[in-house]
PDB file of N, CA and C in Angstrom:
ATOM      1  N   UNK A   1      85.969 -38.074-154.967  1.00  0.00           N
ATOM      2  CA  UNK A   1      85.564 -38.462-153.724  1.00  0.00           C
ATOM      3  C   UNK A   1      84.252 -37.924-153.599  1.00  0.00           C
ATOM      4  N   UNK A   2      83.354 -38.225-152.808  1.00  0.00           N
ATOM      5  CA  UNK A   2      82.124 -37.760-152.970  1.00  0.00           C
ATOM      6  C   UNK A   2      82.736 -37.255-151.202  1.00  0.00           C
ATOM      7  N   UNK A   3      81.462 -35.828-151.273  1.00  0.00           N
ATOM      8  CA  UNK A   3      82.103 -35.536-150.597  1.00  0.00           C
ATOM      9  C   UNK A   3      81.093 -34.937-149.312  1.00  0.00           C
ATOM     10  N   UNK A   4      79.510 -36.087-148.976  1.00  0.00           N
ATOM     11  CA  UNK A   4      79.116 -36.074-148.064  1.00  0.00           C
ATOM     12  C   UNK A   4      78.786 -37.403-147.837  1.00  0.00           C
ATOM     13  N   UNK A   5      78.200 -37.671-146.047  1.00  0.00           N
ATOM     14  CA  UNK A   5      78.851 -39.023-145.509  1.00  0.00           C
ATOM     15  C   UNK A   5      77.600 -39.751-145.782  1.00  0.00           C
ATOM     16  N   UNK A   6      77.701 -41.085-146.321  1.00  0.00           N
ATOM     17  CA  UNK A   6      76.890 -41.307-146.277  1.00  0.00           C
ATOM     18  C   UNK A   6      75.387 -42.532-145.172  1.00  0.00           C
ATOM     19  N   UNK A   7      76.533 -42.682-144.272  1.00  0.00           N
ATOM     20  CA  UNK A   7      75.787 -43.417-142.407  1.00  0.00           C
ATOM     21  C   UNK A   7      76.437 -42.262-141.446  1.00  0.00           C
ATOM     22  N   UNK A   8      75.701 -41.439-141.380  1.00  0.00           N
ATOM     23  CA  UNK A   8      75.443 -40.108-139.931  1.00  0.00           C
ATOM     24  C   UNK A   8      75.832 -40.910-139.327  1.00  0.00           C
ATOM     25  N   UNK A   9      75.423 -42.322-138.436  1.00  0.00           N
ATOM     26  CA  UNK A   9      74.761 -43.364-137.298  1.00  0.00           C
ATOM     27  C   UNK A   9      76.340 -43.980-136.698  1.00  0.00           C
ATOM     28  N   UNK A  10      77.618 -43.865-138.655  1.00  0.00           N
ATOM     29  CA  UNK A  10      78.706 -45.297-138.457  1.00  0.00           C
ATOM     30  C   UNK A  10      79.447 -44.607-137.477  1.00  0.00           C
ATOM     31  N   UNK A  11      80.159 -45.258-137.018  1.00  0.00           N
ATOM     32  CA  UNK A  11      80.803 -45.320-135.519  1.00  0.00           C
ATOM     33  C   UNK A  11      82.226 -44.584-136.025  1.00  0.00           C
ATOM     34  N   UNK A  12      83.111 -44.762-137.036  1.00  0.00           N
ATOM     35  CA  UNK A  12      84.129 -43.987-137.903  1.00  0.00           C
ATOM     36  C   UNK A  12      83.340 -42.582-137.511  1.00  0.00           C
ATOM     37  N   UNK A  13      81.953 -42.306-138.247  1.00  0.00           N
ATOM     38  CA  UNK A  13      81.758 -41.114-138.213  1.00  0.00           C
ATOM     39  C   UNK A  13      81.450 -40.078-137.115  1.00  0.00           C
ATOM     40  N   UNK A  14      81.194 -41.251-136.622  1.00  0.00           N
ATOM     41  CA  UNK A  14      80.926 -40.237-134.839  1.00  0.00           C
ATOM     42  C   UNK A  14      82.637 -39.775-134.624  1.00  0.00           C
ATOM     43  N   UNK A  15      83.475 -41.418-134.295  1.00  0.00           N
ATOM     44  CA  UNK A  15      84.342 -41.234-133.771  1.00  0.00           C
ATOM     45  C   UNK A  15      85.037 -39.291-134.403  1.00  0.00           C
ATOM     46  N   UNK A  16      85.216 -39.944-135.973  1.00  0.00           N
ATOM     47  CA  UNK A  16      85.052 -38.199-136.176  1.00  0.00           C
ATOM     48  C   UNK A  16      85.482 -36.483-136.267  1.00  0.00           C
ATOM     49  N   UNK A  17      83.158 -37.207-136.528  1.00  0.00           N
ATOM     50  CA  UNK A  17      82.532 -35.286-136.217  1.00  0.00           C
ATOM     51  C   UNK A  17      83.210 -35.132-134.318  1.00  0.00           C
ATOM     52  N   UNK A  18      82.829 -36.231-133.346  1.00  0.00           N
ATOM     53  CA  UNK A  18      83.941 -35.727-131.923  1.00  0.00           C
ATOM     54  C   UNK A  18      85.182 -34.908-132.102  1.00  0.00           C
ATOM     55  N   UNK A  19      86.449 -35.617-133.060  1.00  0.00           N
ATOM     56  CA  UNK A  19      87.268 -35.001-132.779  1.00  0.00           C
ATOM     57  C   UNK A  19      86.981 -33.282-133.762  1.00  0.00           C
ATOM     58  N   UNK A  20      86.509 -33.812-134.504  1.00  0.00           N
ATOM     59  CA  UNK A  20      86.978 -31.897-135.386  1.00  0.00           C
ATOM     60  C   UNK A  20      86.062 -31.972-134.113  1.00  0.00           C
ATOM     61  N   UNK A  21      84.996 -31.822-133.722  1.00  0.00           N
ATOM     62  CA  UNK A  21      84.487 -30.759-132.897  1.00  0.00           C
ATOM     63  C   UNK A  21      85.703 -30.372-132.042  1.00  0.00           C
ATOM     64  N   UNK A  22      86.236 -30.948-131.347  1.00  0.00           N
ATOM     65  CA  UNK A  22      86.608 -31.351-130.221  1.00  0.00           C
ATOM     66  C   UNK A  22      88.396 -30.498-130.625  1.00  0.00           C
ATOM     67  N   UNK A  23      88.456 -30.337-131.477  1.00  0.00           N
ATOM     68  CA  UNK A  23      90.089 -29.800-132.629  1.00  0.00           C
ATOM     69  C   UNK A  23      89.334 -28.313-132.808  1.00  0.00           C
ATOM     70  N   UNK A  24      88.663 -28.296-133.337  1.00  0.00           N
ATOM     71  CA  UNK A  24      87.960 -26.809-133.608  1.00  0.00           C
ATOM     72  C   UNK A  24      87.647 -26.280-132.513  1.00  0.00           C
ATOM     73  N   UNK A  25      87.149 -26.130-131.237  1.00  0.00           N
ATOM     74  CA  UNK A  25      87.078 -25.977-130.277  1.00  0.00           C
ATOM     75  C   UNK A  25      88.349 -24.819-129.224  1.00  0.00           C
ATOM     76  N   UNK A  26      89.505 -26.613-129.899  1.00  0.00           N
ATOM     77  CA  UNK A  26      90.721 -25.952-129.460  1.00  0.00           C
ATOM     78  C   UNK A  26      91.247 -25.325-130.186  1.00  0.00           C
ATOM     79  N   UNK A  27      90.847 -24.956-131.501  1.00  0.00           N
ATOM     80  CA  UNK A  27      91.368 -24.417-132.023  1.00  0.00           C
ATOM     81  C   UNK A  27      91.012 -22.579-132.646  1.00  0.00           C
ATOM     82  N   UNK A  28      90.477 -22.693-131.781  1.00  0.00           N
ATOM     83  CA  UNK A  28      89.375 -21.211-131.939  1.00  0.00           C
ATOM     84  C   UNK A  28      89.609 -20.005-130.605  1.00  0.00           C
ATOM     85  N   UNK A  29      90.391 -20.774-129.708  1.00  0.00           N
ATOM     86  CA  UNK A  29      90.967 -20.576-128.188  1.00  0.00           C
ATOM     87  C   UNK A  29      92.192 -20.745-128.830  1.00  0.00           C
ATOM     88  N   UNK A  30      92.579 -20.889-129.263  1.00  0.00           N
ATOM     89  CA  UNK A  30      94.579 -21.150-129.847  1.00  0.00           C
ATOM     90  C   UNK A  30      94.206 -19.670-130.344  1.00  0.00           C
ATOM     91  N   UNK A  31      93.259 -19.104-131.708  1.00  0.00           N
ATOM     92  CA  UNK A  31      92.670 -18.101-132.531  1.00  0.00           C
ATOM     93  C   UNK A  31      93.196 -16.629-131.692  1.00  0.00           C
ATOM     94  N   UNK A  32      92.333 -16.906-130.361  1.00  0.00           N
ATOM     95  CA  UNK A  32      91.776 -15.669-129.795  1.00  0.00           C
ATOM     96  C   UNK A  32      94.058 -15.955-128.855  1.00  0.00           C
ATOM     97  N   UNK A  33      94.619 -15.922-128.956  1.00  0.00           N
ATOM     98  CA  UNK A  33      95.803 -15.655-128.445  1.00  0.00           C
ATOM     99  C   UNK A  33      96.358 -14.648-128.918  1.00  0.00           C
ATOM    100  N   UNK A  34      97.517 -14.138-128.401  1.00  0.00           N
ATOM    101  CA  UNK A  34      98.635 -12.760-129.659  1.00  0.00           C
ATOM    102  C   UNK A  34      99.371 -13.636-129.927  1.00  0.00           C
ATOM    103  N   UNK A  35      99.635 -14.160-131.942  1.00  0.00           N
ATOM    104  CA  UNK A  35      99.743 -14.998-132.213  1.00  0.00           C
ATOM    105  C   UNK A  35     100.725 -13.679-132.940  1.00  0.00           C
ATOM    106  N   UNK A  36     101.780 -14.311-134.005  1.00  0.00           N
ATOM    107  CA  UNK A  36     102.711 -13.787-135.299  1.00  0.00           C
ATOM    108  C   UNK A  36     101.665 -14.659-136.545  1.00  0.00           C
ATOM    109  N   UNK A  37     101.310 -13.294-137.297  1.00  0.00           N
ATOM    110  CA  UNK A  37     100.589 -14.030-138.873  1.00  0.00           C
ATOM    111  C   UNK A  37     100.652 -14.916-139.091  1.00  0.00           C
ATOM    112  N   UNK A  38     101.689 -15.948-139.042  1.00  0.00           N
ATOM    113  CA  UNK A  38     102.053 -17.487-139.464  1.00  0.00           C
ATOM    114  C   UNK A  38     100.888 -18.426-138.972  1.00  0.00           C
ATOM    115  N   UNK A  39     101.418 -18.222-137.701  1.00  0.00           N
ATOM    116  CA  UNK A  39     101.168 -19.282-136.301  1.00  0.00           C
ATOM    117  C   UNK A  39      99.001 -19.049-136.940  1.00  0.00           C
ATOM    118  N   UNK A  40      99.027 -17.965-136.713  1.00  0.00           N
ATOM    119  CA  UNK A  40      97.125 -17.520-137.035  1.00  0.00           C
ATOM    120  C   UNK A  40      96.961 -17.993-139.151  1.00  0.00           C
ATOM    121  N   UNK A  41      97.622 -17.407-140.216  1.00  0.00           N
ATOM    122  CA  UNK A  41      97.425 -18.648-140.999  1.00  0.00           C
ATOM    123  C   UNK A  41      97.328 -20.197-140.788  1.00  0.00           C
ATOM    124  N   UNK A  42      97.791 -20.310-140.020  1.00  0.00           N
ATOM    125  CA  UNK A  42      97.825 -22.173-139.760  1.00  0.00           C
ATOM    126  C   UNK A  42      96.606 -22.244-139.033  1.00  0.00           C
ATOM    127  N   UNK A  43      96.033 -21.275-137.772  1.00  0.00           N
ATOM    128  CA  UNK A  43      94.870 -21.989-136.885  1.00  0.00           C
ATOM    129  C   UNK A  43      93.674 -21.793-137.477  1.00  0.00           C
ATOM    130  N   UNK A  44      94.319 -20.727-139.096  1.00  0.00           N
ATOM    131  CA  UNK A  44      92.725 -20.379-139.308  1.00  0.00           C
ATOM    132  C   UNK A  44      92.630 -21.079-140.460  1.00  0.00           C
ATOM    133  N   UNK A  45      93.110 -21.562-141.212  1.00  0.00           N
ATOM    134  CA  UNK A  45      94.180 -22.502-142.424  1.00  0.00           C
ATOM    135  C   UNK A  45      92.926 -24.709-140.899  1.00  0.00           C
ATOM    136  N   UNK A  46      93.604 -24.336-140.531  1.00  0.00           N
ATOM    137  CA  UNK A  46      92.756 -25.869-139.779  1.00  0.00           C
ATOM    138  C   UNK A  46      91.920 -25.607-139.857  1.00  0.00           C
ATOM    139  N   UNK A  47      91.205 -24.382-139.293  1.00  0.00           N
ATOM    140  CA  UNK A  47      89.605 -24.412-138.365  1.00  0.00           C
ATOM    141  C   UNK A  47      88.708 -24.717-139.957  1.00  0.00           C
ATOM    142  N   UNK A  48      88.957 -24.343-140.312  1.00  0.00           N
ATOM    143  CA  UNK A  48      88.328 -24.206-141.547  1.00  0.00           C
ATOM    144  C   UNK A  48      88.604 -25.866-142.091  1.00  0.00           C
ATOM    145  N   UNK A  49      89.571 -27.230-141.963  1.00  0.00           N
ATOM    146  CA  UNK A  49      89.233 -27.899-142.672  1.00  0.00           C
ATOM    147  C   UNK A  49      87.773 -28.809-141.941  1.00  0.00           C
ATOM    148  N   UNK A  50      88.722 -27.973-140.313  1.00  0.00           N
ATOM    149  CA  UNK A  50      88.036 -29.045-140.162  1.00  0.00           C
ATOM    150  C   UNK A  50      86.344 -28.797-140.319  1.00  0.00           C
ATOM    151  N   UNK A  51      86.062 -27.514-140.088  1.00  0.00           N
ATOM    152  CA  UNK A  51      84.510 -27.220-140.666  1.00  0.00           C
ATOM    153  C   UNK A  51      84.312 -27.917-141.779  1.00  0.00           C
ATOM    154  N   UNK A  52      85.029 -27.693-143.128  1.00  0.00           N
ATOM    155  CA  UNK A  52      84.361 -28.218-143.833  1.00  0.00           C
ATOM    156  C   UNK A  52      83.771 -29.859-143.343  1.00  0.00           C
ATOM    157  N   UNK A  53      84.624 -30.399-143.178  1.00  0.00           N
ATOM    158  CA  UNK A  53      84.585 -32.152-142.653  1.00  0.00           C
ATOM    159  C   UNK A  53      82.997 -32.188-141.720  1.00  0.00           C
ATOM    160  N   UNK A  54      83.584 -31.395-141.275  1.00  0.00           N
ATOM    161  CA  UNK A  54      81.960 -31.335-140.613  1.00  0.00           C
ATOM    162  C   UNK A  54      80.429 -31.053-141.043  1.00  0.00           C
ATOM    163  N   UNK A  55      81.404 -30.638-142.473  1.00  0.00           N
ATOM    164  CA  UNK A  55      79.934 -29.825-143.251  1.00  0.00           C
ATOM    165  C   UNK A  55      79.599 -30.339-144.213  1.00  0.00           C
ATOM    166  N   UNK A  56      80.141 -31.586-144.009  1.00  0.00           N
ATOM    167  CA  UNK A  56      80.571 -33.347-144.809  1.00  0.00           C
ATOM    168  C   UNK A  56      78.928 -33.504-144.630  1.00  0.00           C
ATOM    169  N   UNK A  57      78.183 -34.413-143.005  1.00  0.00           N
ATOM    170  CA  UNK A  57      77.190 -34.342-142.991  1.00  0.00           C
ATOM    171  C   UNK A  57      76.229 -33.318-142.720  1.00  0.00           C
ATOM    172  N   UNK A  58      76.265 -32.155-143.640  1.00  0.00           N
ATOM    173  CA  UNK A  58      75.290 -30.827-143.045  1.00  0.00           C
ATOM    174  C   UNK A  58      74.722 -32.315-145.440  1.00  0.00           C
ATOM    175  N   UNK A  59      76.062 -31.513-145.913  1.00  0.00           N
ATOM    176  CA  UNK A  59      75.521 -31.619-147.958  1.00  0.00           C
ATOM    177  C   UNK A  59      74.589 -33.078-148.050  1.00  0.00           C
ATOM    178  N   UNK A  60      74.462 -34.148-147.080  1.00  0.00           N
ATOM    179  CA  UNK A  60      73.297 -34.687-147.066  1.00  0.00           C
ATOM    180  C   UNK A  60      72.486 -34.876-146.822  1.00  0.00           C
ATOM    181  N   UNK A  61      71.489 -34.481-147.029  1.00  0.00           N
ATOM    182  CA  UNK A  61      69.759 -33.896-146.973  1.00  0.00           C
ATOM    183  C   UNK A  61      69.037 -35.007-147.609  1.00  0.00           C
ATOM    184  N   UNK A  62      69.750 -35.204-149.113  1.00  0.00           N
ATOM    185  CA  UNK A  62      68.480 -35.808-149.887  1.00  0.00           C
ATOM    186  C   UNK A  62      68.469 -37.351-149.879  1.00  0.00           C
ATOM    187  N   UNK A  63      67.824 -37.952-150.490  1.00  0.00           N
ATOM    188  CA  UNK A  63      67.431 -39.170-150.829  1.00  0.00           C
ATOM    189  C   UNK A  63      67.350 -39.860-151.597  1.00  0.00           C
ATOM    190  N   UNK A  64      68.534 -40.465-152.950  1.00  0.00           N
ATOM    191  CA  UNK A  64      68.597 -40.614-154.319  1.00  0.00           C
ATOM    192  C   UNK A  64      67.814 -41.856-153.774  1.00  0.00           C
ATOM    193  N   UNK A  65      66.866 -42.248-154.683  1.00  0.00           N
ATOM    194  CA  UNK A  65      66.387 -43.632-154.189  1.00  0.00           C
ATOM    195  C   UNK A  65      65.976 -44.196-156.902  1.00  0.00           C
ATOM    196  N   UNK A  66      66.033 -44.280-156.679  1.00  0.00           N
ATOM    197  CA  UNK A  66      66.003 -44.445-158.303  1.00  0.00           C
ATOM    198  C   UNK A  66      65.225 -45.694-158.411  1.00  0.00           C
ATOM    199  N   UNK A  67      64.529 -45.163-159.336  1.00  0.00           N
ATOM    200  CA  UNK A  67      63.121 -46.153-160.475  1.00  0.00           C
ATOM    201  C   UNK A  67      62.135 -46.335-158.981  1.00  0.00           C
ATOM    202  N   UNK A  68      61.471 -44.645-158.250  1.00  0.00           N
ATOM    203  CA  UNK A  68      60.628 -44.497-157.524  1.00  0.00           C
ATOM    204  C   UNK A  68      60.460 -43.165-157.864  1.00  0.00           C
ATOM    205  N   UNK A  69      58.556 -43.135-158.154  1.00  0.00           N
ATOM    206  CA  UNK A  69      57.932 -42.610-158.279  1.00  0.00           C
ATOM    207  C   UNK A  69      56.977 -41.293-157.199  1.00  0.00           C
ATOM    208  N   UNK A  70      57.346 -40.856-157.009  1.00  0.00           N
ATOM    209  CA  UNK A  70      56.263 -40.049-155.853  1.00  0.00           C
ATOM    210  C   UNK A  70      54.883 -39.297-157.098  1.00  0.00           C
ATOM    211  N   UNK A  71      53.686 -40.083-155.710  1.00  0.00           N
ATOM    212  CA  UNK A  71      52.457 -40.093-156.050  1.00  0.00           C
ATOM    213  C   UNK A  71      51.915 -38.056-154.710  1.00  0.00           C
ATOM    214  N   UNK A  72      51.624 -37.260-155.972  1.00  0.00           N
ATOM    215  CA  UNK A  72      50.975 -36.628-155.288  1.00  0.00           C
ATOM    216  C   UNK A  72      49.149 -36.826-154.298  1.00  0.00           C
TER     217      UNK A  72
END
């Protein structure tokens, strides 16, 4: 599986991104509460996953154009 988003303007990605941002904010609020270590670990794992998904967009910084010569 490729770990970057090919079409950052697609409806599907925008919906996933919005959901992850919303969930990330909720999880961060939950993480501020006084929870037992197991619950805290679960929340931190979910935060890590949401951030990993959101970072997929950032990994798409280059464009691969085969058979192209660049002139300087």
